[in-house]
Protein backbone atom coordinates (compact mmCIF):
# COMPACT_ATOMS: atom_id res chain seq x y z
CA MET A 1 8.41 32.41 39.29
CA PRO A 2 4.61 32.51 39.16
CA ARG A 3 2.86 33.89 42.19
CA LYS A 4 1.28 31.28 44.45
CA GLN A 5 -2.50 31.34 44.24
CA SER A 6 -4.52 32.14 47.34
CA VAL A 7 -5.86 29.08 49.16
CA GLU A 8 -9.32 30.61 49.53
CA PRO A 9 -11.30 33.09 47.38
CA LEU A 10 -10.81 36.81 47.82
CA ILE A 11 -13.10 38.70 50.16
CA SER A 12 -15.95 40.48 48.39
CA LEU A 13 -14.77 44.07 47.94
CA GLU A 14 -18.30 45.49 47.99
CA TRP A 15 -19.06 43.81 51.32
CA ALA A 16 -15.63 44.59 52.77
CA GLU A 17 -16.00 48.32 52.07
CA SER A 18 -19.49 48.27 53.62
CA LEU A 19 -17.78 47.75 56.99
CA ILE A 20 -15.94 51.08 56.77
CA GLY A 21 -16.95 53.20 59.73
CA LEU A 22 -17.63 50.23 62.03
CA SER A 23 -16.60 51.04 65.62
CA LEU A 24 -14.25 48.61 67.39
CA LYS A 25 -13.04 48.14 70.94
CA VAL A 26 -9.69 46.36 70.70
CA PRO A 27 -8.00 44.99 73.84
CA GLN A 28 -4.39 45.87 74.45
CA ASN A 29 -3.23 42.24 74.16
CA TRP A 30 -4.25 42.16 70.48
CA TRP A 31 -1.02 43.95 69.61
CA VAL A 32 2.07 41.73 69.40
CA GLY A 33 4.21 42.00 72.54
CA CYS A 34 1.49 43.77 74.56
CA THR A 35 -0.43 42.43 77.53
CA GLY A 36 -3.45 43.63 79.44
CA TYR A 37 -7.14 43.99 78.74
CA ASN A 38 -7.58 47.76 78.46
CA LEU A 39 -9.88 48.54 75.54
CA HIS A 40 -8.86 50.98 72.79
CA ASP A 41 -11.60 52.71 70.80
CA GLY A 42 -11.22 52.85 67.04
CA ARG A 43 -12.98 52.34 63.72
CA ILE A 44 -12.52 50.73 60.31
CA VAL A 45 -11.36 53.34 57.77
CA SER A 46 -10.51 51.28 54.68
CA PHE A 47 -9.96 47.80 53.23
CA ASP A 48 -6.56 46.61 51.98
CA ILE A 49 -7.07 44.39 48.92
CA VAL A 50 -3.53 42.98 48.92
CA SER A 51 -3.51 41.76 52.52
CA GLN A 52 -7.27 41.07 52.56
CA LYS A 53 -7.50 42.92 55.87
CA TRP A 54 -9.06 46.13 57.14
CA ASN A 55 -7.26 49.26 58.31
CA LEU A 56 -7.97 50.16 61.93
CA LEU A 57 -7.63 53.77 63.11
CA LEU A 58 -7.65 54.42 66.85
CA ASP A 59 -9.57 57.44 68.11
CA ASP A 60 -6.45 58.92 69.74
CA ARG A 61 -4.18 58.50 66.68
CA ASN A 62 -3.84 60.33 63.36
CA ASP A 63 -4.54 58.98 59.88
CA GLU A 64 -0.94 57.83 59.43
CA ASP A 65 -1.11 55.31 62.30
CA LEU A 66 -3.16 52.44 60.88
CA TYR A 67 -3.22 48.79 61.91
CA LEU A 68 -4.19 45.89 59.64
CA ILE A 69 -6.82 43.71 61.28
CA ALA A 70 -8.25 40.42 60.00
CA TYR A 71 -11.97 39.73 59.85
CA ASP A 72 -12.08 37.31 62.79
CA ALA A 73 -10.80 40.13 65.00
CA VAL A 74 -13.13 42.69 63.38
CA ASN A 75 -16.10 40.45 64.16
CA GLU A 76 -14.93 39.74 67.72
CA TYR A 77 -14.11 43.33 68.71
CA ALA A 78 -17.01 45.12 66.99
CA ASP A 79 -18.56 47.61 69.41
CA GLU A 80 -22.13 46.37 69.85
CA THR A 81 -22.96 49.39 72.02
CA SER A 82 -22.35 51.89 69.22
CA SER A 83 -25.46 53.66 67.93
CA ASN A 84 -25.02 52.44 64.31
CA PHE A 85 -23.83 48.87 65.00
CA HIS A 86 -27.04 47.36 63.58
CA THR A 87 -26.41 48.96 60.17
CA TYR A 88 -23.38 46.74 59.43
CA GLN A 89 -23.65 43.21 58.02
CA LEU A 90 -21.39 41.12 60.25
CA THR A 91 -21.34 37.40 59.50
CA TYR A 92 -19.71 34.39 61.16
CA GLN A 93 -17.12 34.28 58.40
CA ALA A 94 -15.99 36.81 55.81
CA ILE A 95 -18.06 36.90 52.61
CA ARG A 96 -15.84 35.91 49.71
CA ILE A 97 -16.16 36.23 45.94
CA GLY A 98 -18.01 33.26 44.52
CA ASP A 99 -18.85 31.97 47.98
CA GLU A 100 -22.62 32.11 48.11
CA GLU A 101 -22.91 30.17 51.36
CA ILE A 102 -22.46 32.14 54.57
CA GLU A 103 -21.76 30.11 57.69
CA THR A 104 -23.28 31.27 60.98
CA ASP A 105 -23.46 29.86 64.51
CA GLN A 106 -27.01 28.64 63.95
CA ALA A 107 -27.20 27.32 60.36
CA ARG A 108 -26.04 27.82 56.77
CA TYR A 109 -27.73 30.45 54.65
CA THR A 110 -27.53 30.88 50.88
CA LYS A 111 -27.03 34.32 49.42
CA THR A 112 -28.33 34.77 45.88
CA THR A 113 -27.09 37.45 43.53
CA ALA A 114 -29.42 40.20 42.32
CA ASP A 115 -29.47 38.90 38.72
CA GLU A 116 -31.13 35.71 39.96
CA TRP A 117 -34.07 37.54 41.50
CA ASN A 118 -37.46 37.46 39.78
CA GLN A 119 -39.89 40.33 40.01
CA VAL A 120 -43.41 39.31 41.02
CA GLU A 121 -46.03 41.21 39.07
CA ASP A 122 -49.32 42.32 40.64
CA GLY A 123 -51.50 39.31 41.30
CA GLY A 124 -48.72 36.87 40.55
CA GLY A 125 -47.70 36.12 44.11
CA ARG A 126 -49.10 33.61 46.58
CA SER A 127 -52.18 34.86 48.41
CA ILE A 128 -52.19 34.77 52.19
CA ASP A 129 -55.44 34.39 54.06
CA PRO A 130 -55.94 36.81 56.96
CA ILE A 131 -55.65 35.44 60.49
CA GLU A 132 -58.51 36.27 62.81
CA CYS A 133 -57.59 38.16 65.96
CA THR A 134 -58.45 36.04 69.00
CA VAL A 135 -57.42 38.41 71.82
CA ASP A 136 -59.54 40.94 73.69
CA GLU A 137 -59.99 44.32 72.04
CA GLU A 138 -58.05 46.10 74.80
CA PHE A 139 -55.73 43.14 75.43
CA SER A 140 -55.59 41.47 78.85
CA VAL A 141 -52.51 41.71 81.06
CA LYS A 142 -51.62 39.17 83.70
CA ILE A 143 -51.25 41.60 86.58
CA THR A 144 -53.11 41.90 89.86
CA ASP A 145 -54.70 45.07 91.21
CA GLU A 146 -52.08 45.11 93.96
CA GLU A 147 -49.26 45.06 91.36
CA VAL A 148 -50.92 47.83 89.37
CA ALA A 149 -50.97 49.97 92.52
CA LEU A 150 -47.22 49.47 92.88
CA LEU A 151 -46.72 51.01 89.43
CA MET A 152 -48.43 54.26 90.42
CA ASP A 153 -47.11 57.43 92.00
CA ASP A 154 -48.81 59.53 94.70
CA ASN A 155 -51.15 60.97 92.05
CA LYS A 156 -52.31 57.49 90.99
CA GLU A 157 -50.53 57.80 87.64
CA ILE A 158 -48.53 54.86 86.28
CA ARG A 159 -44.83 55.72 86.01
CA TYR A 160 -42.74 54.38 83.13
CA GLU A 161 -39.70 53.47 85.24
CA LYS A 162 -41.87 51.30 87.52
CA VAL A 163 -43.46 49.56 84.53
CA PHE A 164 -39.98 48.96 83.11
CA ARG A 165 -38.81 47.26 86.31
CA TRP A 166 -42.01 45.19 86.49
CA CYS A 167 -41.40 43.99 82.92
CA LEU A 168 -37.88 42.75 83.67
CA ALA A 169 -37.19 39.03 84.01
CA ARG A 170 -37.18 37.51 87.50
CA TYR A 171 -35.51 34.37 88.80
CA GLY A 172 -35.50 32.05 91.80
CA ASP A 173 -38.01 29.45 92.93
CA ASN A 174 -40.52 32.13 93.88
CA ASP A 175 -39.48 34.75 91.30
CA ASP A 176 -37.91 36.69 94.16
CA VAL A 177 -34.56 37.37 92.45
CA SER A 178 -34.51 40.45 90.22
CA LEU A 179 -32.78 40.55 86.84
CA PHE A 180 -30.15 42.92 88.23
CA GLU A 181 -29.38 40.61 91.18
CA PHE A 182 -29.22 37.59 88.85
CA GLN A 183 -26.78 39.31 86.51
CA ALA A 184 -24.72 40.71 89.39
CA ALA A 185 -24.04 37.15 90.61
CA ARG A 186 -22.97 36.02 87.13
CA MET A 187 -20.73 39.09 86.71
CA ARG A 188 -19.17 38.53 90.17
CA ASN A 189 -18.28 34.98 89.17
CA TYR A 190 -16.87 36.10 85.83
CA MET A 191 -14.76 38.87 87.36
CA LYS A 192 -13.35 36.51 89.98
CA LYS A 193 -12.53 33.99 87.24
CA ARG A 194 -10.54 36.65 85.41
CA VAL A 195 -8.77 37.66 88.62
CA VAL A 196 -7.88 34.06 89.52
CA GLU A 197 -7.06 32.64 86.08
CA GLU A 198 -6.02 35.68 84.04
CA LYS A 199 -4.47 37.87 86.77
CA PHE A 200 -6.97 40.60 85.92
CA LYS A 201 -6.68 43.65 88.18
CA PRO A 202 -9.99 45.49 88.72
CA ARG A 203 -9.80 49.24 89.03
CA TYR A 204 -12.76 49.68 91.38
CA TYR A 205 -13.87 46.28 92.67
CA THR A 206 -10.96 45.64 95.00
CA GLY A 207 -10.90 44.50 98.61
CA ASP A 208 -14.45 44.07 99.93
CA LYS A 209 -16.12 45.82 96.97
CA VAL A 210 -18.31 43.46 94.93
CA ILE A 211 -20.82 43.91 92.11
CA THR A 212 -24.38 44.27 93.42
CA GLY A 213 -27.78 44.48 91.78
CA ASP A 214 -27.81 48.27 92.18
CA HIS A 215 -24.51 48.49 90.34
CA VAL A 216 -25.90 46.47 87.41
CA ALA A 217 -28.99 48.71 87.29
CA ARG A 218 -26.74 51.78 87.07
CA PHE A 219 -24.67 50.04 84.41
CA TYR A 220 -27.85 49.57 82.32
CA GLY A 221 -28.49 53.30 82.57
CA ALA A 222 -24.89 54.11 81.68
CA CYS A 223 -25.05 51.90 78.56
CA LEU A 224 -28.27 53.57 77.41
CA SER A 225 -26.87 57.04 78.06
CA ARG A 226 -23.63 56.19 76.29
CA MET A 227 -25.59 54.91 73.29
CA ASN A 228 -27.63 58.12 73.15
CA TYR A 229 -24.39 60.12 72.98
CA GLY A 230 -22.98 58.08 70.08
CA GLY A 231 -20.91 55.54 72.00
CA ARG A 232 -18.29 57.87 73.48
CA SER A 233 -15.05 56.52 74.90
CA MET A 234 -14.30 56.24 78.60
CA GLU A 235 -11.94 59.18 78.36
CA GLN A 236 -14.63 61.34 76.77
CA ILE A 237 -17.33 60.31 79.27
CA PHE A 238 -15.24 61.31 82.28
CA SER A 239 -13.41 64.21 80.66
CA THR A 240 -12.86 67.24 82.89
CA ARG A 241 -11.41 69.37 80.09
CA GLU A 242 -13.85 68.94 77.20
CA ILE A 243 -17.25 69.66 78.75
CA MET A 244 -19.07 68.83 75.51
CA ASP A 245 -17.57 65.32 75.51
CA ALA A 246 -18.40 64.48 79.12
CA ILE A 247 -21.63 62.74 80.13
CA PRO A 248 -22.57 64.14 83.57
CA SER A 249 -25.34 61.58 84.20
CA ILE A 250 -22.84 58.72 83.98
CA GLN A 251 -20.27 60.60 86.04
CA ALA A 252 -22.87 61.05 88.78
CA SER A 253 -23.83 57.37 88.83
CA MET A 254 -20.43 55.68 89.05
CA THR A 255 -16.68 56.18 88.83
CA LYS A 256 -14.64 55.59 85.71
CA GLY A 257 -13.00 52.54 87.28
CA ALA A 258 -16.37 50.99 88.13
CA LEU A 259 -17.69 51.51 84.58
CA GLU A 260 -14.54 49.98 83.08
CA ASP A 261 -14.76 46.94 85.39
CA LEU A 262 -18.45 46.38 84.65
CA THR A 263 -17.87 46.77 80.90
CA SER A 264 -15.18 44.07 81.06
CA CYS A 265 -17.86 41.71 82.43
CA LEU A 266 -20.43 42.58 79.76
CA HIS A 267 -20.06 39.16 78.12
CA TYR A 268 -20.17 37.20 81.34
CA SER A 269 -20.89 33.47 81.37
CA ASP A 270 -21.01 30.53 83.77
CA ASP A 271 -20.13 27.79 81.27
CA TRP A 272 -16.49 27.27 82.26
CA ILE A 273 -14.79 24.70 84.47
CA PRO A 274 -12.42 26.03 87.19
CA LYS A 275 -8.81 25.38 86.24
CA ASN A 276 -7.36 25.03 89.73
CA SER A 277 -10.20 23.01 91.24
CA GLY A 278 -12.99 20.82 89.98
CA VAL A 279 -15.31 22.08 92.70
CA TRP A 280 -17.04 25.35 91.86
CA ASP A 281 -17.97 26.17 95.48
CA ASP A 282 -14.30 26.09 96.51
CA ILE A 283 -13.63 29.25 94.48
CA TYR A 284 -16.90 31.11 93.79
CA ASP A 285 -19.38 32.45 96.32
CA ASP A 286 -22.35 32.51 93.93
CA PRO A 287 -23.89 29.32 92.49
CA LYS A 288 -23.18 28.27 88.93
CA VAL A 289 -25.93 28.47 86.32
CA VAL A 290 -25.93 25.17 84.44
CA ALA A 291 -27.72 24.84 81.12
CA VAL A 292 -30.16 21.97 80.79
CA PRO A 293 -29.03 19.02 78.61
CA GLY A 294 -29.71 19.55 74.93
CA THR A 295 -29.40 23.34 75.06
CA ALA A 296 -28.28 24.80 71.72
CA THR A 297 -24.64 25.86 71.64
CA HIS A 298 -25.40 29.53 70.98
CA ARG A 299 -27.63 29.62 74.11
CA LEU A 300 -25.21 28.06 76.59
CA LYS A 301 -24.02 31.39 77.95
CA HIS A 302 -27.18 33.47 78.10
CA GLY A 303 -29.98 30.92 77.72
CA ARG A 304 -31.27 31.55 81.25
CA LEU A 305 -31.43 35.27 80.55
CA GLU A 306 -33.42 34.69 77.37
CA ASP A 307 -35.76 32.27 79.13
CA GLY A 308 -36.44 34.82 81.85
CA TYR A 309 -37.50 37.42 79.31
CA ASN A 310 -39.59 34.93 77.35
CA LYS A 311 -41.42 34.09 80.56
CA VAL A 312 -42.61 37.66 81.10
CA CYS A 313 -42.96 38.91 77.53
CA THR A 314 -46.47 37.48 77.16
CA VAL A 315 -47.88 39.16 80.28
CA CYS A 316 -46.41 42.65 80.21
CA CYS A 317 -46.94 43.86 76.63
CA CYS A 318 -49.82 46.24 77.24
CA CYS A 319 -49.87 47.97 80.62
CA CYS A 320 -51.16 51.00 78.75
CA CYS A 321 -54.68 49.57 78.90
CA TYR A 322 -54.75 50.60 82.52
């Protein structure tokens, strides 16, 4: 009996093998028969042509224990905090042989093959007229003398960490809500949603403990430190046996349980409707952030965050002129 042909084209082998080495964080409930949301660190080690899936190797397993994982899961569980994440070409859908169109959340893009490219000889391209610079030579920054003074230390020198905080987005009617406080409220809502609807059990934020702005600020630092050390696992960060694996700066800033809980809220959002009640205020202490009508789909979750940064990016680009 002839073999049944595949419904869709095969995945491009060249592109599939380019994902080898990609770090993943796979939740426990991905495995059949398992529940829970604990994340397991692993990486792509090879591509299986027959099954059209990738082989996943967990960091705490040997080379014989591999798991086949489809592309939709690869894309969803890719570790965006890893130091080399940006080097991999992840698309909305897998790139297949003969499929030149790649679908994304925003639009459709066409990928041309190399043999269709034309080399432009010297002088054969389109000329581009230079654009005259219309800003001051030293650039002007929208900051008052009083604010500049707040960025200085006792020796009247501007400190980087103070400039960094001043550059962060602010919210509220009078811009009196810091970025960390804004995100803390969204993460509190998201964690409570998981507790109420998914029976999630936090390791640290139990009882009266809630996520605050200071906790989010520390979480920023922990993410940066973790990235600088190559995206180490939770077990490595808080290891008491392997001193070269541990990251003392993170250990000093928060407990392992707190870091795990905050990481689980990394992709927070306020775009859901409560299941048990149609009234948000009946369940959540913090207000809901509602996107304005007409907001693009890909901005529904973090559009307010992007808008906050866009608001300050034009006034804080050159504090060095002071």
